[in-house]
Amino acid sequence: MSEPLAERLRPNTLEDYLSQSHLVGNEGILHHHLKQGVIPSMIFWGPPGTGKTTLANIISNESGRPFFTLSAINSGVKDIREVIEKAKSKGGLFTTKNPILFIDEIHRFSKSQQDSLLQAVEKGWVTLIGATTENPSFEVIPALLSRCQVYILNSFNKAELIALLHRAMERDAILKERTIELKETEALLRLSGGDARKLLNLFELIITSFPASETVIITNELVTSRVQNKMARYDKTGEQHYDIISAFIKSIRGSDPNAAVYWLARMIEGGEDVKFIARRLLILASEDIGNANPTALVIANNTFQSVSIIGFPESRIILSQCAIYLATSPKSNSAYKAINEAQQLVKNTGDLSVPLAIRNAPTKLMKELGYGEDYKYSHNYKNNFSEQEFLPEEIKSTKLYDPGNNARENAQREFLKQRWKTKYGY
């Protein structure tokens, strides 16, 4: 039985690597590391099928370093120590090129397992490359995280996915012997969700469902009919992980507690990490509800703390309660939009000067220069408010926060209108 198409097409050089130009392009940091011959320990963070394992192999090949690999799913502390000893005998103290130790799904390692890596990384016995689909800030212990660079890998875009399909037809020894017409790609791209490995698996599934002598014309209808009954059930390691959590979040955002609880049940039955679900609820409480109901963030935070202590199966009740509460809360994304606009404004305008009146003046010289001189202490004025300019001169009167249309934020709008009159257009 031949290897899967995704494995057969795995690139071996940086030049052949199709995506992540921000890392591997001529100006990319990994390209720079390889050119300089200095490879730091690093963690690749990104969705499934974005080339994390492939990139680790390429770094090993192009830097001429021995390559050792562990899977966090089935490796214990003993396995880690054995691999480190092997790595030390191949490099570390005996060569300037430290061996690379690649750990897939490093977020699944316990604290003690991660602790067992610290000395090897610190002493330079190995160069660690970890791969994770979860935020390393939450899943990797601080001591290890501080010794690694974190690089984000993005899902493939449409052009890259289509290029990958053409590469498969042109280069794969099996597929290039077939007659394949790529007439439509929308269904393939939709079902793959930016996961290159999944795309190639689906593509191969469809091609091999036809006799070798038959021409295969790829259409959306064909893809949907051939793939629909063969999709894997929920798999927290990749296949439907992002589809299900997306459905869960969008159901809550859409104020449908029935759908929210259904998708929650799918994740629970699939063995999803309880903290992953709770973290997404915490983000949603601010992003999609925000000031329409600030208590939502309190409830979501309490939920995260509770399930972190309790775990399954009891946590299912707490998660259900929180999901229903958030789904039935009024919605607003005004805080989310405000910070997005503010960040874009900062990128567009650069480091504008802080107005003198609201600068800190801890020294005599700063006071002589006028720092804080015209500041009006709000509590000394009626209604604890005094109109003054808090933004840099170049962007004064810029409105970034636009309250949502709900009871609480309508009250906020009235408050701001009373205070600022026409200044911000409330």
Protein backbone atom coordinates (compact mmCIF):
# COMPACT_ATOMS: atom_id res chain seq x y z
CA MET A 1 0.00 0.00 0.00
CA SER A 2 1.47 3.38 -1.04
CA GLU A 3 1.96 6.32 1.29
CA PRO A 4 -0.84 8.91 1.45
CA LEU A 5 -0.60 11.67 -1.15
CA ALA A 6 0.20 14.30 1.50
CA GLU A 7 3.21 12.25 2.57
CA ARG A 8 4.38 11.63 -0.99
CA LEU A 9 4.28 15.35 -1.73
CA ARG A 10 6.04 16.48 1.43
CA PRO A 11 8.75 18.99 0.33
CA ASN A 12 12.36 18.46 1.39
CA THR A 13 13.76 21.93 0.75
CA LEU A 14 12.82 25.46 1.76
CA GLU A 15 12.65 26.41 -1.93
CA ASP A 16 9.98 23.75 -2.48
CA TYR A 17 7.96 24.79 0.58
CA LEU A 18 4.73 26.30 -0.70
CA SER A 19 3.38 28.48 2.12
CA GLN A 20 4.36 30.62 5.14
CA SER A 21 6.31 33.19 3.10
CA HIS A 22 6.46 35.44 6.18
CA LEU A 23 8.75 32.82 7.72
CA VAL A 24 10.53 31.13 4.82
CA GLY A 25 10.63 33.87 2.16
CA ASN A 26 13.82 35.78 1.41
CA GLU A 27 13.02 38.24 4.20
CA GLY A 28 11.61 35.57 6.54
CA ILE A 29 13.16 34.88 9.92
CA LEU A 30 13.63 31.14 9.29
CA HIS A 31 15.35 31.84 5.99
CA HIS A 32 17.65 34.18 7.89
CA HIS A 33 18.37 31.57 10.60
CA LEU A 34 19.30 28.95 8.02
CA LYS A 35 21.47 31.39 6.09
CA GLN A 36 23.33 32.33 9.28
CA GLY A 37 23.53 28.73 10.46
CA VAL A 38 22.12 29.64 13.87
CA ILE A 39 18.98 27.68 14.73
CA PRO A 40 17.27 28.62 18.02
CA SER A 41 14.82 26.42 19.85
CA MET A 42 11.35 27.27 18.57
CA ILE A 43 7.68 26.43 18.69
CA PHE A 44 5.50 26.34 15.59
CA TRP A 45 1.93 27.33 16.41
CA GLY A 46 -0.79 26.92 13.82
CA PRO A 47 -3.83 24.93 12.67
CA PRO A 48 -3.49 21.34 11.39
CA GLY A 49 -2.08 20.90 7.90
CA THR A 50 -0.01 24.09 7.80
CA GLY A 51 3.35 22.35 7.42
CA LYS A 52 4.78 22.37 10.95
CA THR A 53 6.33 18.89 10.75
CA THR A 54 7.53 19.48 7.20
CA LEU A 55 9.23 22.71 8.18
CA ALA A 56 11.03 21.02 11.07
CA ASN A 57 12.35 18.33 8.70
CA ILE A 58 13.50 20.95 6.20
CA ILE A 59 15.36 22.89 8.89
CA SER A 60 17.12 19.67 9.89
CA ASN A 61 18.00 18.81 6.28
CA GLU A 62 19.22 22.25 5.28
CA SER A 63 21.20 22.86 8.46
CA GLY A 64 22.79 19.39 8.36
CA ARG A 65 21.67 18.49 11.85
CA PRO A 66 20.65 15.06 13.19
CA PHE A 67 16.87 14.81 13.59
CA PHE A 68 15.08 13.14 16.49
CA THR A 69 11.34 13.11 16.90
CA LEU A 70 8.82 12.37 19.64
CA SER A 71 5.04 12.42 19.67
CA ALA A 72 3.51 13.89 22.80
CA ILE A 73 0.63 11.43 22.48
CA ASN A 74 2.64 8.31 23.30
CA SER A 75 5.92 9.51 24.85
CA GLY A 76 6.69 9.68 28.56
CA VAL A 77 9.53 11.21 30.58
CA LYS A 78 11.58 8.03 30.10
CA ASP A 79 11.27 8.30 26.31
CA ILE A 80 12.31 11.95 26.43
CA ARG A 81 15.43 11.17 28.47
CA GLU A 82 16.39 8.32 26.15
CA VAL A 83 16.10 10.52 23.08
CA ILE A 84 18.07 13.31 24.74
CA GLU A 85 20.89 10.86 25.57
CA LYS A 86 20.95 9.68 21.95
CA ALA A 87 20.97 13.27 20.76
CA LYS A 88 23.86 14.15 23.08
CA SER A 89 25.93 11.29 21.61
CA LYS A 90 25.31 12.64 18.08
CA GLY A 91 25.99 16.29 18.80
CA GLY A 92 25.60 18.77 21.63
CA LEU A 93 28.94 18.59 23.38
CA PHE A 94 30.73 17.08 20.39
CA THR A 95 29.74 19.38 17.52
CA THR A 96 28.64 22.94 16.93
CA LYS A 97 25.53 21.64 15.19
CA ASN A 98 23.18 20.59 17.94
CA PRO A 99 20.73 17.84 16.97
CA ILE A 100 17.12 18.86 16.46
CA LEU A 101 14.50 17.30 18.72
CA PHE A 102 11.08 17.67 17.15
CA ILE A 103 8.05 17.16 19.41
CA ASP A 104 4.68 17.00 17.70
CA GLU A 105 1.68 18.23 19.71
CA ILE A 106 3.91 19.53 22.48
CA HIS A 107 0.83 21.05 24.18
CA ARG A 108 -0.14 17.52 25.21
CA PHE A 109 2.98 17.12 27.36
CA SER A 110 2.38 17.39 31.09
CA LYS A 111 4.37 19.84 33.23
CA SER A 112 6.76 17.08 34.35
CA GLN A 113 7.35 16.03 30.74
CA GLN A 114 8.06 19.60 29.72
CA ASP A 115 10.30 20.06 32.76
CA SER A 116 12.41 17.12 31.56
CA LEU A 117 13.29 19.08 28.41
CA LEU A 118 14.58 22.18 30.18
CA GLN A 119 18.17 21.12 30.88
CA ALA A 120 18.72 19.75 27.39
CA VAL A 121 17.49 22.99 25.82
CA GLU A 122 19.35 25.21 28.28
CA LYS A 123 22.65 23.33 27.92
CA GLY A 124 22.35 23.22 24.15
CA TRP A 125 22.34 19.43 23.95
CA VAL A 126 19.40 19.72 21.55
CA THR A 127 17.63 22.40 19.57
CA LEU A 128 13.96 21.94 20.36
CA ILE A 129 11.28 22.41 17.74
CA GLY A 130 7.79 21.92 19.10
CA ALA A 131 4.57 21.89 17.09
CA THR A 132 1.20 22.83 18.55
CA THR A 133 -2.31 23.71 17.42
CA GLU A 134 -2.98 25.38 20.78
CA ASN A 135 -1.83 28.74 22.12
CA PRO A 136 1.60 28.00 23.64
CA SER A 137 1.11 30.79 26.18
CA PHE A 138 -1.47 28.54 27.85
CA GLU A 139 -0.09 25.10 27.08
CA VAL A 140 3.71 25.40 27.40
CA ILE A 141 5.30 26.03 30.79
CA PRO A 142 6.86 29.52 31.14
CA ALA A 143 10.38 28.20 31.76
CA LEU A 144 10.36 26.29 28.46
CA LEU A 145 8.49 28.97 26.55
CA SER A 146 11.06 31.60 27.55
CA ARG A 147 13.78 29.48 25.93
CA CYS A 148 11.97 29.21 22.60
CA GLN A 149 11.00 31.51 19.77
CA VAL A 150 7.30 31.20 18.85
CA TYR A 151 6.46 31.32 15.15
CA ILE A 152 2.87 31.37 13.89
CA LEU A 153 1.95 29.32 10.83
CA ASN A 154 -1.18 30.35 8.94
CA SER A 155 -3.73 28.26 7.09
CA PHE A 156 -3.05 28.01 3.37
CA ASN A 157 -4.82 30.65 1.30
CA LYS A 158 -6.89 29.85 -1.80
CA ALA A 159 -4.08 30.40 -4.29
CA GLU A 160 -1.69 28.18 -2.31
CA LEU A 161 -4.25 25.37 -2.03
CA ILE A 162 -4.97 25.43 -5.76
CA ALA A 163 -1.23 25.47 -6.48
CA LEU A 164 -0.89 22.42 -4.22
CA LEU A 165 -3.52 20.54 -6.24
CA HIS A 166 -1.70 21.32 -9.50
CA ARG A 167 1.59 20.27 -7.93
CA ALA A 168 0.01 16.94 -6.97
CA MET A 169 -1.16 16.31 -10.51
CA GLU A 170 2.19 17.30 -12.01
CA ARG A 171 4.65 15.73 -9.60
CA ASP A 172 3.09 12.77 -7.86
CA ALA A 173 4.20 9.53 -9.48
CA ILE A 174 0.74 7.99 -9.18
CA LEU A 175 -1.50 10.95 -10.04
CA LYS A 176 0.49 12.11 -13.05
CA GLU A 177 -0.34 8.79 -14.69
CA ARG A 178 -4.04 9.62 -14.37
CA THR A 179 -6.15 11.90 -16.57
CA ILE A 180 -7.53 14.55 -14.21
CA GLU A 181 -9.38 17.74 -15.07
CA LEU A 182 -9.64 20.28 -12.26
CA LYS A 183 -12.86 21.98 -13.41
CA GLU A 184 -14.11 23.36 -10.05
CA THR A 185 -12.30 23.69 -6.72
CA GLU A 186 -14.73 25.48 -4.38
CA ALA A 187 -16.02 22.33 -2.65
CA LEU A 188 -12.52 20.93 -2.15
CA LEU A 189 -11.30 24.19 -0.66
CA ARG A 190 -14.36 24.54 1.56
CA LEU A 191 -14.09 21.01 2.94
CA SER A 192 -10.35 21.32 3.56
CA GLY A 193 -10.71 24.58 5.51
CA GLY A 194 -7.16 25.71 4.72
CA ASP A 195 -5.67 22.39 5.86
CA ALA A 196 -3.24 21.29 3.13
CA ARG A 197 -3.01 17.72 4.38
CA LYS A 198 -6.78 17.39 4.48
CA LEU A 199 -7.08 18.86 0.99
CA LEU A 200 -4.67 16.29 -0.45
CA ASN A 201 -6.38 13.45 1.40
CA LEU A 202 -9.77 14.48 0.00
CA PHE A 203 -8.31 14.91 -3.49
CA GLU A 204 -6.75 11.44 -3.40
CA LEU A 205 -9.97 9.93 -2.00
CA ILE A 206 -11.93 11.24 -4.97
CA ILE A 207 -9.34 10.27 -7.60
CA THR A 208 -8.95 6.72 -6.29
CA SER A 209 -12.72 6.20 -6.25
CA PHE A 210 -12.52 5.96 -10.07
CA PRO A 211 -10.88 3.20 -12.14
CA ALA A 212 -7.31 4.07 -13.16
CA SER A 213 -8.26 4.15 -16.83
CA GLU A 214 -11.12 6.63 -16.38
CA THR A 215 -10.87 10.40 -16.78
CA VAL A 216 -11.71 12.23 -13.54
CA ILE A 217 -13.38 15.63 -13.90
CA ILE A 218 -13.35 17.41 -10.53
CA THR A 219 -16.56 19.38 -9.95
CA ASN A 220 -18.18 20.70 -6.79
CA GLU A 221 -21.05 18.23 -7.18
CA LEU A 222 -18.67 15.29 -7.55
CA VAL A 223 -16.64 16.31 -4.50
CA THR A 224 -19.72 16.76 -2.33
CA SER A 225 -21.27 13.43 -3.34
CA ARG A 226 -18.06 11.40 -2.97
CA VAL A 227 -16.84 12.94 0.26
CA GLN A 228 -20.09 13.52 2.18
CA ASN A 229 -20.38 10.00 3.55
CA LYS A 230 -16.68 9.53 4.22
CA MET A 231 -15.96 12.51 6.48
CA ALA A 232 -14.38 11.53 9.78
CA ARG A 233 -16.32 11.98 13.00
CA TYR A 234 -15.15 14.71 15.38
CA ASP A 235 -11.43 14.41 15.90
CA LYS A 236 -9.81 16.72 18.42
CA THR A 237 -6.44 16.23 16.76
CA GLY A 238 -7.45 17.86 13.52
CA GLU A 239 -10.10 16.77 11.03
CA GLN A 240 -13.22 18.48 12.38
CA HIS A 241 -11.70 20.25 15.37
CA TYR A 242 -11.95 23.72 13.87
CA ASP A 243 -15.26 23.14 12.08
CA ILE A 244 -17.05 22.10 15.26
CA ILE A 245 -15.65 24.86 17.46
CA SER A 246 -16.56 27.33 14.72
CA ALA A 247 -20.15 26.03 14.67
CA PHE A 248 -20.28 26.25 18.47
CA ILE A 249 -19.06 29.85 18.60
CA LYS A 250 -21.28 30.98 15.73
CA SER A 251 -24.33 29.38 17.35
CA ILE A 252 -23.72 31.34 20.56
CA ARG A 253 -23.03 34.52 18.59
CA GLY A 254 -26.30 33.89 16.76
CA SER A 255 -28.20 33.55 20.08
CA ASP A 256 -29.19 29.90 19.52
CA PRO A 257 -28.71 27.99 22.81
CA ASN A 258 -30.09 24.79 21.27
CA ALA A 259 -27.44 24.62 18.56
CA ALA A 260 -24.77 25.75 21.03
CA VAL A 261 -25.50 22.87 23.41
CA TYR A 262 -25.60 20.40 20.49
CA TRP A 263 -22.13 21.40 19.25
CA LEU A 264 -20.88 21.42 22.83
CA ALA A 265 -22.07 17.83 23.17
CA ARG A 266 -20.25 16.89 19.97
CA MET A 267 -17.01 18.23 21.40
CA ILE A 268 -17.53 16.57 24.76
CA GLU A 269 -18.31 13.19 23.16
CA GLY A 270 -15.24 13.61 20.96
CA GLY A 271 -13.00 14.08 24.00
CA GLU A 272 -12.14 17.74 23.39
CA ASP A 273 -9.94 19.48 25.95
CA VAL A 274 -12.21 21.12 28.53
CA LYS A 275 -9.94 24.16 28.85
CA PHE A 276 -9.92 24.71 25.10
CA ILE A 277 -13.73 25.00 25.09
CA ALA A 278 -13.74 27.26 28.16
CA ARG A 279 -11.08 29.55 26.66
CA ARG A 280 -13.16 30.03 23.53
CA LEU A 281 -16.16 30.96 25.68
CA LEU A 282 -14.00 33.47 27.52
CA ILE A 283 -12.94 35.11 24.26
CA LEU A 284 -16.51 35.15 22.94
CA ALA A 285 -17.84 36.79 26.11
CA SER A 286 -15.74 39.86 25.33
CA GLU A 287 -15.65 39.75 21.54
CA ASP A 288 -19.37 39.13 20.87
CA ILE A 289 -21.15 40.32 24.04
CA GLY A 290 -18.81 42.83 25.64
CA ASN A 291 -20.44 45.90 27.16
CA ALA A 292 -23.93 44.77 26.18
CA ASN A 293 -23.64 42.52 29.25
CA PRO A 294 -20.28 42.82 31.09
CA THR A 295 -21.34 40.05 33.48
CA ALA A 296 -20.88 37.60 30.61
CA LEU A 297 -17.09 37.96 30.93
CA VAL A 298 -17.33 37.29 34.68
CA ILE A 299 -19.42 34.17 34.08
CA ALA A 300 -17.05 32.92 31.36
CA ASN A 301 -13.99 33.53 33.54
CA ASN A 302 -15.59 31.69 36.45
CA THR A 303 -16.42 28.87 34.06
CA PHE A 304 -12.79 28.63 32.94
CA GLN A 305 -11.56 28.56 36.54
CA SER A 306 -14.17 25.97 37.54
CA VAL A 307 -13.60 23.50 34.71
CA SER A 308 -9.83 23.79 35.13
CA ILE A 309 -10.25 22.46 38.66
CA ILE A 310 -13.06 19.95 38.10
CA GLY A 311 -12.50 18.42 34.66
CA PHE A 312 -14.85 16.01 32.91
CA PRO A 313 -17.48 14.63 33.27
CA GLU A 314 -18.91 17.22 35.71
CA SER A 315 -17.56 20.17 33.73
CA ARG A 316 -20.07 19.44 30.98
CA ILE A 317 -22.80 20.94 33.21
CA ILE A 318 -20.81 24.11 33.88
CA LEU A 319 -19.96 24.51 30.19
CA SER A 320 -23.61 23.99 29.26
CA GLN A 321 -24.75 26.63 31.74
CA CYS A 322 -22.19 29.13 30.44
CA ALA A 323 -22.95 28.43 26.77
CA ILE A 324 -26.67 28.92 27.34
CA TYR A 325 -26.07 32.13 29.33
CA LEU A 326 -23.86 33.57 26.60
CA ALA A 327 -26.22 32.51 23.82
CA THR A 328 -29.15 34.23 25.52
CA SER A 329 -27.22 37.43 26.34
CA PRO A 330 -27.59 40.62 24.26
CA LYS A 331 -24.77 40.87 21.72
CA SER A 332 -22.27 43.59 20.88
CA ASN A 333 -18.90 43.56 19.16
CA SER A 334 -18.21 47.25 19.84
CA ALA A 335 -15.19 46.60 22.08
CA TYR A 336 -13.74 44.21 19.48
CA LYS A 337 -14.24 46.75 16.68
CA ALA A 338 -12.83 49.59 18.82
CA ILE A 339 -9.51 47.89 19.52
CA ASN A 340 -9.22 46.78 15.87
CA GLU A 341 -9.71 50.37 14.69
CA ALA A 342 -7.35 51.70 17.35
CA GLN A 343 -4.59 49.26 16.35
CA GLN A 344 -5.03 50.14 12.69
CA LEU A 345 -4.84 53.83 13.57
CA VAL A 346 -1.59 53.23 15.45
CA LYS A 347 -0.14 51.38 12.44
CA ASN A 348 -1.17 54.22 10.13
CA THR A 349 -0.03 57.12 12.30
CA GLY A 350 2.97 55.70 14.17
CA ASP A 351 4.25 56.88 17.56
CA LEU A 352 2.41 60.14 18.08
CA SER A 353 3.43 62.28 21.03
CA VAL A 354 1.47 62.18 24.28
CA PRO A 355 -0.13 65.62 24.94
CA LEU A 356 1.95 67.58 27.47
CA ALA A 357 -1.00 68.04 29.83
CA ILE A 358 -1.39 64.29 30.46
CA ARG A 359 2.29 63.32 30.56
CA ASN A 360 3.82 62.01 33.74
CA ALA A 361 6.03 64.54 35.55
CA PRO A 362 8.10 62.73 38.22
CA THR A 363 11.14 65.07 38.01
CA LYS A 364 11.67 68.81 38.41
CA LEU A 365 13.01 69.09 34.85
CA MET A 366 9.90 67.50 33.42
CA LYS A 367 7.72 69.93 35.35
CA GLU A 368 9.79 72.84 34.04
CA LEU A 369 9.25 71.52 30.52
CA GLY A 370 5.50 71.71 31.07
CA TYR A 371 4.74 68.05 31.62
CA GLY A 372 1.30 67.77 33.23
CA GLU A 373 1.01 71.56 33.57
CA ASP A 374 -2.49 72.06 32.17
CA TYR A 375 -3.95 68.78 33.32
CA LYS A 376 -7.44 69.09 34.81
CA TYR A 377 -8.07 66.58 37.59
CA SER A 378 -11.53 65.32 36.63
CA HIS A 379 -12.72 64.77 40.21
CA ASN A 380 -12.36 68.47 40.96
CA TYR A 381 -15.08 69.32 38.47
CA LYS A 382 -18.84 68.92 38.28
CA ASN A 383 -19.94 65.35 37.53
CA ASN A 384 -16.27 64.34 37.88
CA PHE A 385 -15.67 65.53 34.35
CA SER A 386 -13.69 68.28 32.65
CA GLU A 387 -13.45 68.48 28.88
CA GLN A 388 -9.84 68.26 27.72
CA GLU A 389 -7.92 66.55 24.92
CA PHE A 390 -6.57 63.09 25.71
CA LEU A 391 -5.58 62.09 22.18
CA PRO A 392 -2.52 63.30 20.25
CA GLU A 393 -3.11 66.54 18.32
CA GLU A 394 -2.90 64.78 14.95
CA ILE A 395 -5.88 62.52 15.68
CA LYS A 396 -7.89 64.61 18.13
CA SER A 397 -11.66 64.03 18.20
CA THR A 398 -11.24 60.59 16.53
CA LYS A 399 -14.08 58.27 17.56
CA LEU A 400 -12.95 54.66 17.99
CA TYR A 401 -15.66 53.31 20.30
CA ASP A 402 -19.15 53.22 18.82
CA PRO A 403 -21.62 51.76 21.37
CA GLY A 404 -23.83 48.93 20.16
CA ASN A 405 -27.59 49.15 19.87
CA ASN A 406 -28.60 47.54 23.17
CA ALA A 407 -29.95 48.82 26.47
CA ARG A 408 -26.66 49.05 28.33
CA GLU A 409 -24.65 50.57 25.51
CA ASN A 410 -27.45 52.96 24.56
CA ALA A 411 -27.10 54.27 28.11
CA GLN A 412 -23.34 54.55 27.57
CA ARG A 413 -23.98 56.52 24.38
CA GLU A 414 -26.19 58.97 26.25
CA PHE A 415 -23.55 59.32 28.97
CA LEU A 416 -20.85 60.08 26.39
CA LYS A 417 -23.13 62.50 24.52
CA GLN A 418 -23.81 64.44 27.73
CA ARG A 419 -20.11 64.64 28.54
CA TRP A 420 -18.56 65.28 25.12
CA LYS A 421 -21.47 66.96 23.34
CA THR A 422 -20.65 66.95 19.61
CA LYS A 423 -16.91 66.25 19.93
CA TYR A 424 -17.07 62.54 19.06
CA GLY A 425 -20.38 62.50 17.24
CA TYR A 426 -22.30 60.45 19.81
